[in-house]
PDB file of N, CA and C in Angstrom:
ATOM      1  N   UNK A   1       9.087   0.808  -3.297  1.00  0.00           N
ATOM      2  CA  UNK A   1       8.728  -0.440  -2.637  1.00  0.00           C
ATOM      3  C   UNK A   1       8.476  -1.552  -3.646  1.00  0.00           C
ATOM      4  N   UNK A   2       8.154  -1.196  -4.872  1.00  0.00           N
ATOM      5  CA  UNK A   2       7.932  -2.239  -5.863  1.00  0.00           C
ATOM      6  C   UNK A   2       9.131  -3.152  -5.996  1.00  0.00           C
ATOM      7  N   UNK A   3      10.337  -2.581  -5.986  1.00  0.00           N
ATOM      8  CA  UNK A   3      11.550  -3.376  -6.081  1.00  0.00           C
ATOM      9  C   UNK A   3      11.748  -4.278  -4.874  1.00  0.00           C
ATOM     10  N   UNK A   4      11.330  -3.799  -3.709  1.00  0.00           N
ATOM     11  CA  UNK A   4      11.439  -4.612  -2.497  1.00  0.00           C
ATOM     12  C   UNK A   4      10.579  -5.863  -2.637  1.00  0.00           C
ATOM     13  N   UNK A   5       9.360  -5.696  -3.117  1.00  0.00           N
ATOM     14  CA  UNK A   5       8.474  -6.857  -3.279  1.00  0.00           C
ATOM     15  C   UNK A   5       8.996  -7.817  -4.336  1.00  0.00           C
ATOM     16  N   UNK A   6       9.586  -7.291  -5.382  1.00  0.00           N
ATOM     17  CA  UNK A   6      10.185  -8.166  -6.394  1.00  0.00           C
ATOM     18  C   UNK A   6      11.316  -8.980  -5.765  1.00  0.00           C
ATOM     19  N   UNK A   7      12.128  -8.344  -4.951  1.00  0.00           N
ATOM     20  CA  UNK A   7      13.208  -9.048  -4.268  1.00  0.00           C
ATOM     21  C   UNK A   7      12.693 -10.096  -3.298  1.00  0.00           C
ATOM     22  N   UNK A   8      11.657  -9.757  -2.529  1.00  0.00           N
ATOM     23  CA  UNK A   8      11.092 -10.709  -1.574  1.00  0.00           C
ATOM     24  C   UNK A   8      10.512 -11.928  -2.272  1.00  0.00           C
ATOM     25  N   UNK A   9       9.767 -11.683  -3.338  1.00  0.00           N
ATOM     26  CA  UNK A   9       9.165 -12.788  -4.085  1.00  0.00           C
ATOM     27  C   UNK A   9      10.253 -13.652  -4.719  1.00  0.00           C
ATOM     28  N   UNK A  10      11.289 -13.007  -5.243  1.00  0.00           N
ATOM     29  CA  UNK A  10      12.377 -13.748  -5.886  1.00  0.00           C
ATOM     30  C   UNK A  10      13.157 -14.590  -4.883  1.00  0.00           C
ATOM     31  N   UNK A  11      13.379 -14.045  -3.691  1.00  0.00           N
ATOM     32  CA  UNK A  11      14.173 -14.755  -2.679  1.00  0.00           C
ATOM     33  C   UNK A  11      13.361 -15.855  -2.009  1.00  0.00           C
ATOM     34  N   UNK A  12      12.198 -15.484  -1.456  1.00  0.00           N
ATOM     35  CA  UNK A  12      11.360 -16.463  -0.746  1.00  0.00           C
ATOM     36  C   UNK A  12      10.018 -15.826  -0.431  1.00  0.00           C
ATOM     37  N   UNK A  13       9.006 -16.154  -1.194  1.00  0.00           N
ATOM     38  CA  UNK A  13       7.677 -15.556  -1.008  1.00  0.00           C
ATOM     39  C   UNK A  13       7.052 -15.923   0.333  1.00  0.00           C
ATOM     40  N   UNK A  14       7.571 -16.937   0.986  1.00  0.00           N
ATOM     41  CA  UNK A  14       7.060 -17.323   2.310  1.00  0.00           C
ATOM     42  C   UNK A  14       7.341 -16.261   3.366  1.00  0.00           C
ATOM     43  N   UNK A  15       8.169 -15.290   3.046  1.00  0.00           N
ATOM     44  CA  UNK A  15       8.477 -14.213   3.987  1.00  0.00           C
ATOM     45  C   UNK A  15       7.205 -13.435   4.358  1.00  0.00           C
ATOM     46  N   UNK A  16       6.188 -13.501   3.527  1.00  0.00           N
ATOM     47  CA  UNK A  16       4.920 -12.813   3.796  1.00  0.00           C
ATOM     48  C   UNK A  16       4.041 -13.551   4.814  1.00  0.00           C
ATOM     49  N   UNK A  17       4.378 -14.780   5.156  1.00  0.00           N
ATOM     50  CA  UNK A  17       3.503 -15.632   5.952  1.00  0.00           C
ATOM     51  C   UNK A  17       3.011 -14.981   7.243  1.00  0.00           C
ATOM     52  N   UNK A  18       3.862 -14.324   7.987  1.00  0.00           N
ATOM     53  CA  UNK A  18       3.472 -13.804   9.312  1.00  0.00           C
ATOM     54  C   UNK A  18       3.109 -12.327   9.304  1.00  0.00           C
ATOM     55  N   UNK A  19       2.956 -11.743   8.134  1.00  0.00           N
ATOM     56  CA  UNK A  19       2.666 -10.316   8.028  1.00  0.00           C
ATOM     57  C   UNK A  19       1.379  -9.930   8.750  1.00  0.00           C
ATOM     58  N   UNK A  20       0.359 -10.759   8.690  1.00  0.00           N
ATOM     59  CA  UNK A  20      -0.949 -10.421   9.265  1.00  0.00           C
ATOM     60  C   UNK A  20      -1.194 -11.060  10.626  1.00  0.00           C
ATOM     61  N   UNK A  21      -0.176 -11.611  11.235  1.00  0.00           N
ATOM     62  CA  UNK A  21      -0.366 -12.303  12.516  1.00  0.00           C
ATOM     63  C   UNK A  21      -0.967 -11.415  13.602  1.00  0.00           C
ATOM     64  N   UNK A  22      -0.723 -10.124  13.538  1.00  0.00           N
ATOM     65  CA  UNK A  22      -1.244  -9.206  14.563  1.00  0.00           C
ATOM     66  C   UNK A  22      -2.378  -8.339  14.030  1.00  0.00           C
ATOM     67  N   UNK A  23      -3.042  -8.831  12.981  1.00  0.00           N
ATOM     68  CA  UNK A  23      -4.168  -8.091  12.414  1.00  0.00           C
ATOM     69  C   UNK A  23      -5.225  -7.806  13.469  1.00  0.00           C
ATOM     70  N   UNK A  24      -5.891  -6.665  13.322  1.00  0.00           N
ATOM     71  CA  UNK A  24      -6.850  -6.234  14.333  1.00  0.00           C
ATOM     72  C   UNK A  24      -8.121  -7.068  14.358  1.00  0.00           C
ATOM     73  N   UNK A  25      -8.437  -7.707  13.251  1.00  0.00           N
ATOM     74  CA  UNK A  25      -9.685  -8.468  13.149  1.00  0.00           C
ATOM     75  C   UNK A  25      -9.393  -9.863  12.607  1.00  0.00           C
ATOM     76  N   UNK A  26     -10.219 -10.836  12.991  1.00  0.00           N
ATOM     77  CA  UNK A  26     -10.000 -12.199  12.480  1.00  0.00           C
ATOM     78  C   UNK A  26     -10.040 -12.294  10.955  1.00  0.00           C
ATOM     79  N   UNK A  27     -10.905 -11.504  10.303  1.00  0.00           N
ATOM     80  CA  UNK A  27     -10.981 -11.597   8.842  1.00  0.00           C
ATOM     81  C   UNK A  27      -9.670 -11.157   8.188  1.00  0.00           C
ATOM     82  N   UNK A  28      -8.913 -10.284   8.846  1.00  0.00           N
ATOM     83  CA  UNK A  28      -7.615  -9.869   8.303  1.00  0.00           C
ATOM     84  C   UNK A  28      -6.622 -11.022   8.434  1.00  0.00           C
ATOM     85  N   UNK A  29      -6.531 -11.582   9.616  1.00  0.00           N
ATOM     86  CA  UNK A  29      -5.589 -12.689   9.854  1.00  0.00           C
ATOM     87  C   UNK A  29      -5.938 -13.917   9.023  1.00  0.00           C
ATOM     88  N   UNK A  30      -7.207 -14.326   9.074  1.00  0.00           N
ATOM     89  CA  UNK A  30      -7.642 -15.520   8.352  1.00  0.00           C
ATOM     90  C   UNK A  30      -7.595 -15.316   6.841  1.00  0.00           C
ATOM     91  N   UNK A  31      -8.059 -14.160   6.405  1.00  0.00           N
ATOM     92  CA  UNK A  31      -8.055 -13.863   4.972  1.00  0.00           C
ATOM     93  C   UNK A  31      -6.650 -13.855   4.400  1.00  0.00           C
ATOM     94  N   UNK A  32      -5.722 -13.308   5.156  1.00  0.00           N
ATOM     95  CA  UNK A  32      -4.328 -13.285   4.698  1.00  0.00           C
ATOM     96  C   UNK A  32      -3.815 -14.708   4.481  1.00  0.00           C
ATOM     97  N   UNK A  33      -4.062 -15.558   5.457  1.00  0.00           N
ATOM     98  CA  UNK A  33      -3.570 -16.934   5.354  1.00  0.00           C
ATOM     99  C   UNK A  33      -4.263 -17.695   4.234  1.00  0.00           C
ATOM    100  N   UNK A  34      -5.572 -17.522   4.100  1.00  0.00           N
ATOM    101  CA  UNK A  34      -6.326 -18.277   3.086  1.00  0.00           C
ATOM    102  C   UNK A  34      -6.118 -17.756   1.672  1.00  0.00           C
ATOM    103  N   UNK A  35      -6.064 -16.448   1.525  1.00  0.00           N
ATOM    104  CA  UNK A  35      -6.004 -15.864   0.183  1.00  0.00           C
ATOM    105  C   UNK A  35      -4.563 -15.590  -0.239  1.00  0.00           C
ATOM    106  N   UNK A  36      -3.886 -14.729   0.498  1.00  0.00           N
ATOM    107  CA  UNK A  36      -2.542 -14.315   0.085  1.00  0.00           C
ATOM    108  C   UNK A  36      -1.561 -15.475   0.152  1.00  0.00           C
ATOM    109  N   UNK A  37      -1.566 -16.205   1.245  1.00  0.00           N
ATOM    110  CA  UNK A  37      -0.571 -17.268   1.394  1.00  0.00           C
ATOM    111  C   UNK A  37      -0.893 -18.507   0.562  1.00  0.00           C
ATOM    112  N   UNK A  38      -2.046 -18.539  -0.082  1.00  0.00           N
ATOM    113  CA  UNK A  38      -2.317 -19.617  -1.040  1.00  0.00           C
ATOM    114  C   UNK A  38      -1.411 -19.463  -2.265  1.00  0.00           C
ATOM    115  N   UNK A  39      -1.116 -18.234  -2.647  1.00  0.00           N
ATOM    116  CA  UNK A  39      -0.231 -17.918  -3.783  1.00  0.00           C
ATOM    117  C   UNK A  39       0.577 -16.665  -3.446  1.00  0.00           C
ATOM    118  N   UNK A  40       1.498 -16.740  -2.493  1.00  0.00           N
ATOM    119  CA  UNK A  40       2.200 -15.531  -2.039  1.00  0.00           C
ATOM    120  C   UNK A  40       3.019 -14.840  -3.133  1.00  0.00           C
ATOM    121  N   UNK A  41       3.582 -15.593  -4.054  1.00  0.00           N
ATOM    122  CA  UNK A  41       4.373 -14.967  -5.117  1.00  0.00           C
ATOM    123  C   UNK A  41       3.481 -14.120  -6.024  1.00  0.00           C
ATOM    124  N   UNK A  42       2.315 -14.641  -6.365  1.00  0.00           N
ATOM    125  CA  UNK A  42       1.383 -13.893  -7.220  1.00  0.00           C
ATOM    126  C   UNK A  42       0.948 -12.613  -6.524  1.00  0.00           C
ATOM    127  N   UNK A  43       0.549 -12.710  -5.267  1.00  0.00           N
ATOM    128  CA  UNK A  43       0.084 -11.532  -4.532  1.00  0.00           C
ATOM    129  C   UNK A  43       1.204 -10.536  -4.289  1.00  0.00           C
ATOM    130  N   UNK A  44       2.414 -11.018  -4.038  1.00  0.00           N
ATOM    131  CA  UNK A  44       3.560 -10.121  -3.882  1.00  0.00           C
ATOM    132  C   UNK A  44       3.837  -9.344  -5.161  1.00  0.00           C
ATOM    133  N   UNK A  45       3.743 -10.025  -6.295  1.00  0.00           N
ATOM    134  CA  UNK A  45       3.953  -9.340  -7.578  1.00  0.00           C
ATOM    135  C   UNK A  45       2.818  -8.375  -7.894  1.00  0.00           C
ATOM    136  N   UNK A  46       1.586  -8.746  -7.537  1.00  0.00           N
ATOM    137  CA  UNK A  46       0.466  -7.815  -7.738  1.00  0.00           C
ATOM    138  C   UNK A  46       0.624  -6.568  -6.877  1.00  0.00           C
ATOM    139  N   UNK A  47       1.119  -6.750  -5.662  1.00  0.00           N
ATOM    140  CA  UNK A  47       1.383  -5.604  -4.794  1.00  0.00           C
ATOM    141  C   UNK A  47       2.457  -4.715  -5.422  1.00  0.00           C
ATOM    142  N   UNK A  48       3.485  -5.331  -5.968  1.00  0.00           N
ATOM    143  CA  UNK A  48       4.542  -4.586  -6.643  1.00  0.00           C
ATOM    144  C   UNK A  48       3.972  -3.760  -7.801  1.00  0.00           C
ATOM    145  N   UNK A  49       3.149  -4.387  -8.628  1.00  0.00           N
ATOM    146  CA  UNK A  49       2.563  -3.702  -9.778  1.00  0.00           C
ATOM    147  C   UNK A  49       1.676  -2.550  -9.306  1.00  0.00           C
ATOM    148  N   UNK A  50       0.876  -2.787  -8.266  1.00  0.00           N
ATOM    149  CA  UNK A  50       0.016  -1.725  -7.738  1.00  0.00           C
ATOM    150  C   UNK A  50       0.808  -0.538  -7.245  1.00  0.00           C
ATOM    151  N   UNK A  51       1.896  -0.792  -6.537  1.00  0.00           N
ATOM    152  CA  UNK A  51       2.725   0.299  -6.035  1.00  0.00           C
ATOM    153  C   UNK A  51       3.398   1.057  -7.178  1.00  0.00           C
ATOM    154  N   UNK A  52       3.833   0.334  -8.201  1.00  0.00           N
ATOM    155  CA  UNK A  52       4.428   1.000  -9.364  1.00  0.00           C
ATOM    156  C   UNK A  52       3.404   1.879 -10.076  1.00  0.00           C
ATOM    157  N   UNK A  53       2.193   1.377 -10.225  1.00  0.00           N
ATOM    158  CA  UNK A  53       1.140   2.163 -10.887  1.00  0.00           C
ATOM    159  C   UNK A  53       0.847   3.429 -10.101  1.00  0.00           C
ATOM    160  N   UNK A  54       0.734   3.317  -8.773  1.00  0.00           N
ATOM    161  CA  UNK A  54       0.465   4.504  -7.958  1.00  0.00           C
ATOM    162  C   UNK A  54       1.597   5.519  -8.094  1.00  0.00           C
ATOM    163  N   UNK A  55       2.833   5.055  -8.090  1.00  0.00           N
ATOM    164  CA  UNK A  55       3.964   5.965  -8.258  1.00  0.00           C
ATOM    165  C   UNK A  55       3.940   6.654  -9.606  1.00  0.00           C
ATOM    166  N   UNK A  56       3.621   5.922 -10.650  1.00  0.00           N
ATOM    167  CA  UNK A  56       3.543   6.506 -11.993  1.00  0.00           C
ATOM    168  C   UNK A  56       2.428   7.540 -12.057  1.00  0.00           C
ATOM    169  N   UNK A  57       1.281   7.230 -11.465  1.00  0.00           N
ATOM    170  CA  UNK A  57       0.172   8.195 -11.460  1.00  0.00           C
ATOM    171  C   UNK A  57       0.578   9.499 -10.780  1.00  0.00           C
ATOM    172  N   UNK A  58       1.311   9.393  -9.677  1.00  0.00           N
ATOM    173  CA  UNK A  58       1.760  10.600  -8.979  1.00  0.00           C
ATOM    174  C   UNK A  58       2.763  11.381  -9.826  1.00  0.00           C
ATOM    175  N   UNK A  59       3.624  10.678 -10.532  1.00  0.00           N
ATOM    176  CA  UNK A  59       4.615  11.359 -11.364  1.00  0.00           C
ATOM    177  C   UNK A  59       3.988  12.025 -12.584  1.00  0.00           C
ATOM    178  N   UNK A  60       2.941  11.417 -13.128  1.00  0.00           N
ATOM    179  CA  UNK A  60       2.263  11.983 -14.291  1.00  0.00           C
ATOM    180  C   UNK A  60       1.614  13.314 -13.921  1.00  0.00           C
ATOM    181  N   UNK A  61       1.030  13.373 -12.734  1.00  0.00           N
ATOM    182  CA  UNK A  61       0.406  14.614 -12.272  1.00  0.00           C
ATOM    183  C   UNK A  61      -0.996  14.799 -12.827  1.00  0.00           C
ATOM    184  N   UNK A  62      -1.555  15.966 -12.550  1.00  0.00           N
ATOM    185  CA  UNK A  62      -2.891  16.298 -13.032  1.00  0.00           C
ATOM    186  C   UNK A  62      -3.949  15.362 -12.473  1.00  0.00           C
ATOM    187  N   UNK A  63      -4.894  14.992 -13.326  1.00  0.00           N
ATOM    188  CA  UNK A  63      -5.971  14.093 -12.886  1.00  0.00           C
ATOM    189  C   UNK A  63      -5.450  12.731 -12.454  1.00  0.00           C
ATOM    190  N   UNK A  64      -4.408  12.263 -13.111  1.00  0.00           N
ATOM    191  CA  UNK A  64      -3.828  10.967 -12.741  1.00  0.00           C
ATOM    192  C   UNK A  64      -3.336  11.004 -11.303  1.00  0.00           C
ATOM    193  N   UNK A  65      -2.789  12.139 -10.892  1.00  0.00           N
ATOM    194  CA  UNK A  65      -2.275  12.260  -9.521  1.00  0.00           C
ATOM    195  C   UNK A  65      -3.394  12.142  -8.491  1.00  0.00           C
ATOM    196  N   UNK A  66      -4.584  12.587  -8.834  1.00  0.00           N
ATOM    197  CA  UNK A  66      -5.715  12.425  -7.897  1.00  0.00           C
ATOM    198  C   UNK A  66      -5.907  10.957  -7.552  1.00  0.00           C
ATOM    199  N   UNK A  67      -5.866  10.107  -8.571  1.00  0.00           N
ATOM    200  CA  UNK A  67      -6.001   8.668  -8.348  1.00  0.00           C
ATOM    201  C   UNK A  67      -4.796   8.130  -7.577  1.00  0.00           C
ATOM    202  N   UNK A  68      -3.631   8.634  -7.902  1.00  0.00           N
ATOM    203  CA  UNK A  68      -2.429   8.210  -7.200  1.00  0.00           C
ATOM    204  C   UNK A  68      -2.479   8.553  -5.720  1.00  0.00           C
ATOM    205  N   UNK A  69      -2.870   9.796  -5.403  1.00  0.00           N
ATOM    206  CA  UNK A  69      -2.974  10.195  -3.996  1.00  0.00           C
ATOM    207  C   UNK A  69      -4.036   9.378  -3.274  1.00  0.00           C
ATOM    208  N   UNK A  70      -5.174   9.177  -3.914  1.00  0.00           N
ATOM    209  CA  UNK A  70      -6.245   8.382  -3.287  1.00  0.00           C
ATOM    210  C   UNK A  70      -5.756   6.961  -3.013  1.00  0.00           C
ATOM    211  N   UNK A  71      -5.031   6.378  -3.949  1.00  0.00           N
ATOM    212  CA  UNK A  71      -4.530   5.027  -3.777  1.00  0.00           C
ATOM    213  C   UNK A  71      -3.499   4.916  -2.669  1.00  0.00           C
ATOM    214  N   UNK A  72      -2.563   5.861  -2.623  1.00  0.00           N
ATOM    215  CA  UNK A  72      -1.512   5.827  -1.604  1.00  0.00           C
ATOM    216  C   UNK A  72      -2.109   6.049  -0.213  1.00  0.00           C
ATOM    217  N   UNK A  73      -3.018   6.986  -0.101  1.00  0.00           N
ATOM    218  CA  UNK A  73      -3.665   7.249   1.193  1.00  0.00           C
ATOM    219  C   UNK A  73      -4.517   6.055   1.607  1.00  0.00           C
ATOM    220  N   UNK A  74      -5.304   5.518   0.675  1.00  0.00           N
ATOM    221  CA  UNK A  74      -6.120   4.340   0.975  1.00  0.00           C
ATOM    222  C   UNK A  74      -5.271   3.146   1.381  1.00  0.00           C
ATOM    223  N   UNK A  75      -4.139   2.958   0.730  1.00  0.00           N
ATOM    224  CA  UNK A  75      -3.228   1.866   1.059  1.00  0.00           C
ATOM    225  C   UNK A  75      -2.772   1.973   2.519  1.00  0.00           C
ATOM    226  N   UNK A  76      -2.403   3.175   2.942  1.00  0.00           N
ATOM    227  CA  UNK A  76      -1.921   3.347   4.313  1.00  0.00           C
ATOM    228  C   UNK A  76      -3.044   3.198   5.343  1.00  0.00           C
ATOM    229  N   UNK A  77      -4.241   3.595   4.987  1.00  0.00           N
ATOM    230  CA  UNK A  77      -5.376   3.379   5.894  1.00  0.00           C
ATOM    231  C   UNK A  77      -5.615   1.875   6.057  1.00  0.00           C
ATOM    232  N   UNK A  78      -5.612   1.141   4.961  1.00  0.00           N
ATOM    233  CA  UNK A  78      -5.814  -0.316   5.026  1.00  0.00           C
ATOM    234  C   UNK A  78      -4.668  -1.019   5.749  1.00  0.00           C
ATOM    235  N   UNK A  79      -3.462  -0.493   5.615  1.00  0.00           N
ATOM    236  CA  UNK A  79      -2.314  -1.074   6.300  1.00  0.00           C
ATOM    237  C   UNK A  79      -2.523  -1.086   7.819  1.00  0.00           C
ATOM    238  N   UNK A  80      -3.287  -0.143   8.324  1.00  0.00           N
ATOM    239  CA  UNK A  80      -3.537  -0.052   9.763  1.00  0.00           C
ATOM    240  C   UNK A  80      -4.351  -1.234  10.280  1.00  0.00           C
ATOM    241  N   UNK A  81      -5.026  -1.967   9.397  1.00  0.00           N
ATOM    242  CA  UNK A  81      -5.770  -3.155   9.799  1.00  0.00           C
ATOM    243  C   UNK A  81      -4.863  -4.295  10.231  1.00  0.00           C
ATOM    244  N   UNK A  82      -3.570  -4.191   9.905  1.00  0.00           N
ATOM    245  CA  UNK A  82      -2.642  -5.278  10.191  1.00  0.00           C
ATOM    246  C   UNK A  82      -2.012  -5.193  11.576  1.00  0.00           C
ATOM    247  N   UNK A  83      -2.462  -4.276  12.388  1.00  0.00           N
ATOM    248  CA  UNK A  83      -1.989  -4.226  13.772  1.00  0.00           C
ATOM    249  C   UNK A  83      -1.558  -2.841  14.194  1.00  0.00           C
ATOM    250  N   UNK A  84      -1.534  -2.653  15.501  1.00  0.00           N
ATOM    251  CA  UNK A  84      -1.214  -1.340  16.037  1.00  0.00           C
ATOM    252  C   UNK A  84       0.222  -0.919  15.739  1.00  0.00           C
ATOM    253  N   UNK A  85       1.107  -1.861  15.533  1.00  0.00           N
ATOM    254  CA  UNK A  85       2.476  -1.507  15.165  1.00  0.00           C
ATOM    255  C   UNK A  85       2.528  -0.704  13.878  1.00  0.00           C
ATOM    256  N   UNK A  86       1.635  -1.000  12.959  1.00  0.00           N
ATOM    257  CA  UNK A  86       1.587  -0.262  11.693  1.00  0.00           C
ATOM    258  C   UNK A  86       1.070   1.156  11.888  1.00  0.00           C
ATOM    259  N   UNK A  87       0.369   1.393  12.981  1.00  0.00           N
ATOM    260  CA  UNK A  87      -0.126   2.734  13.262  1.00  0.00           C
ATOM    261  C   UNK A  87       1.034   3.689  13.512  1.00  0.00           C
ATOM    262  N   UNK A  88       2.126   3.188  14.097  1.00  0.00           N
ATOM    263  CA  UNK A  88       3.297   4.029  14.357  1.00  0.00           C
ATOM    264  C   UNK A  88       3.871   4.594  13.063  1.00  0.00           C
ATOM    265  N   UNK A  89       3.753   3.823  11.998  1.00  0.00           N
ATOM    266  CA  UNK A  89       4.209   4.277  10.682  1.00  0.00           C
ATOM    267  C   UNK A  89       3.104   5.036   9.954  1.00  0.00           C
ATOM    268  N   UNK A  90       1.907   4.502   9.974  1.00  0.00           N
ATOM    269  CA  UNK A  90       0.837   5.014   9.119  1.00  0.00           C
ATOM    270  C   UNK A  90       0.314   6.383   9.540  1.00  0.00           C
ATOM    271  N   UNK A  91       0.173   6.629  10.813  1.00  0.00           N
ATOM    272  CA  UNK A  91      -0.403   7.911  11.233  1.00  0.00           C
ATOM    273  C   UNK A  91       0.481   9.087  10.820  1.00  0.00           C
ATOM    274  N   UNK A  92       1.776   9.078  11.133  1.00  0.00           N
ATOM    275  CA  UNK A  92       2.597  10.203  10.647  1.00  0.00           C
ATOM    276  C   UNK A  92       2.670  10.257   9.125  1.00  0.00           C
ATOM    277  N   UNK A  93       2.724   9.085   8.498  1.00  0.00           N
ATOM    278  CA  UNK A  93       2.790   9.053   7.039  1.00  0.00           C
ATOM    279  C   UNK A  93       1.517   9.617   6.426  1.00  0.00           C
ATOM    280  N   UNK A  94       0.362   9.278   6.997  1.00  0.00           N
ATOM    281  CA  UNK A  94      -0.907   9.825   6.492  1.00  0.00           C
ATOM    282  C   UNK A  94      -0.943  11.341   6.641  1.00  0.00           C
ATOM    283  N   UNK A  95      -0.441  11.845   7.755  1.00  0.00           N
ATOM    284  CA  UNK A  95      -0.379  13.303   7.923  1.00  0.00           C
ATOM    285  C   UNK A  95       0.447  13.945   6.821  1.00  0.00           C
ATOM    286  N   UNK A  96       1.599  13.375   6.533  1.00  0.00           N
ATOM    287  CA  UNK A  96       2.457  13.910   5.476  1.00  0.00           C
ATOM    288  C   UNK A  96       1.801  13.753   4.108  1.00  0.00           C
ATOM    289  N   UNK A  97       1.224  12.587   3.834  1.00  0.00           N
ATOM    290  CA  UNK A  97       0.584  12.360   2.535  1.00  0.00           C
ATOM    291  C   UNK A  97      -0.582  13.316   2.306  1.00  0.00           C
ATOM    292  N   UNK A  98      -1.396  13.536   3.330  1.00  0.00           N
ATOM    293  CA  UNK A  98      -2.524  14.455   3.188  1.00  0.00           C
ATOM    294  C   UNK A  98      -2.037  15.878   2.922  1.00  0.00           C
ATOM    295  N   UNK A  99      -0.993  16.288   3.627  1.00  0.00           N
ATOM    296  CA  UNK A  99      -0.405  17.612   3.401  1.00  0.00           C
ATOM    297  C   UNK A  99       0.101  17.736   1.965  1.00  0.00           C
ATOM    298  N   UNK A 100       0.866  16.746   1.515  1.00  0.00           N
ATOM    299  CA  UNK A 100       1.435  16.787   0.169  1.00  0.00           C
ATOM    300  C   UNK A 100       0.365  16.711  -0.916  1.00  0.00           C
ATOM    301  N   UNK A 101      -0.631  15.866  -0.697  1.00  0.00           N
ATOM    302  CA  UNK A 101      -1.714  15.751  -1.687  1.00  0.00           C
ATOM    303  C   UNK A 101      -2.477  17.055  -1.794  1.00  0.00           C
ATOM    304  N   UNK A 102      -2.774  17.630  -0.668  1.00  0.00           N
ATOM    305  CA  UNK A 102      -3.517  18.901  -0.674  1.00  0.00           C
ATOM    306  C   UNK A 102      -2.710  19.981  -1.391  1.00  0.00           C
ATOM    307  N   UNK A 103      -1.434  20.029  -1.109  1.00  0.00           N
ATOM    308  CA  UNK A 103      -0.567  21.022  -1.744  1.00  0.00           C
ATOM    309  C   UNK A 103      -0.454  20.765  -3.248  1.00  0.00           C
ATOM    310  N   UNK A 104      -0.285  19.507  -3.622  1.00  0.00           N
ATOM    311  CA  UNK A 104      -0.167  19.146  -5.033  1.00  0.00           C
ATOM    312  C   UNK A 104      -1.453  19.446  -5.791  1.00  0.00           C
ATOM    313  N   UNK A 105      -2.570  19.084  -5.226  1.00  0.00           N
ATOM    314  CA  UNK A 105      -3.847  19.245  -5.915  1.00  0.00           C
ATOM    315  C   UNK A 105      -4.324  20.691  -5.914  1.00  0.00           C
ATOM    316  N   UNK A 106      -3.840  21.507  -4.984  1.00  0.00           N
ATOM    317  CA  UNK A 106      -4.200  22.932  -4.963  1.00  0.00           C
ATOM    318  C   UNK A 106      -3.634  23.649  -6.180  1.00  0.00           C
ATOM    319  N   UNK A 107      -2.520  23.144  -6.717  1.00  0.00           N
ATOM    320  CA  UNK A 107      -1.892  23.747  -7.888  1.00  0.00           C
ATOM    321  C   UNK A 107      -2.561  23.323  -9.180  1.00  0.00           C
ATOM    322  N   UNK A 108      -3.457  22.333  -9.108  1.00  0.00           N
ATOM    323  CA  UNK A 108      -4.118  21.819 -10.293  1.00  0.00           C
ATOM    324  C   UNK A 108      -5.198  22.801 -10.760  1.00  0.00           C
ATOM    325  N   UNK A 109      -5.234  23.128 -12.040  1.00  0.00           N
ATOM    326  CA  UNK A 109      -6.289  24.023 -12.545  1.00  0.00           C
ATOM    327  C   UNK A 109      -7.666  23.366 -12.472  1.00  0.00           C
ATOM    328  N   UNK A 110      -8.669  24.169 -12.310  1.00  0.00           N
ATOM    329  CA  UNK A 110     -10.050  23.673 -12.263  1.00  0.00           C
ATOM    330  C   UNK A 110     -10.437  23.083 -13.620  1.00  0.00           C
ATOM    331  N   UNK A 111     -11.242  21.999 -13.618  1.00  0.00           N
ATOM    332  CA  UNK A 111     -11.637  21.370 -14.899  1.00  0.00           C
ATOM    333  C   UNK A 111     -12.577  22.212 -15.694  1.00  0.00           C
TER     334      UNK A 111
END
């Protein structure tokens, strides 16, 4: 997804404008417009960097993967704040992520 955000920012960062229109709470909708859309290119690139870091942490494995799994799972939980439509994606994805994280971390030796 990091590459997708780079492409979106490069083409037109305004594409993010309506992302939070169906947010579940006013602070999500208002915060998105006030904070993210004040500098959408910067926030899009920060999102790209965050996703790349999480992917690298998962690939490194071991203790780094713990942080990677926590970040990816937390990201999908927070994504659900943007509306019930995201629940259609996030709930099955969270089930898969939790299964994979548990399986991955079960193979990790005790510290």
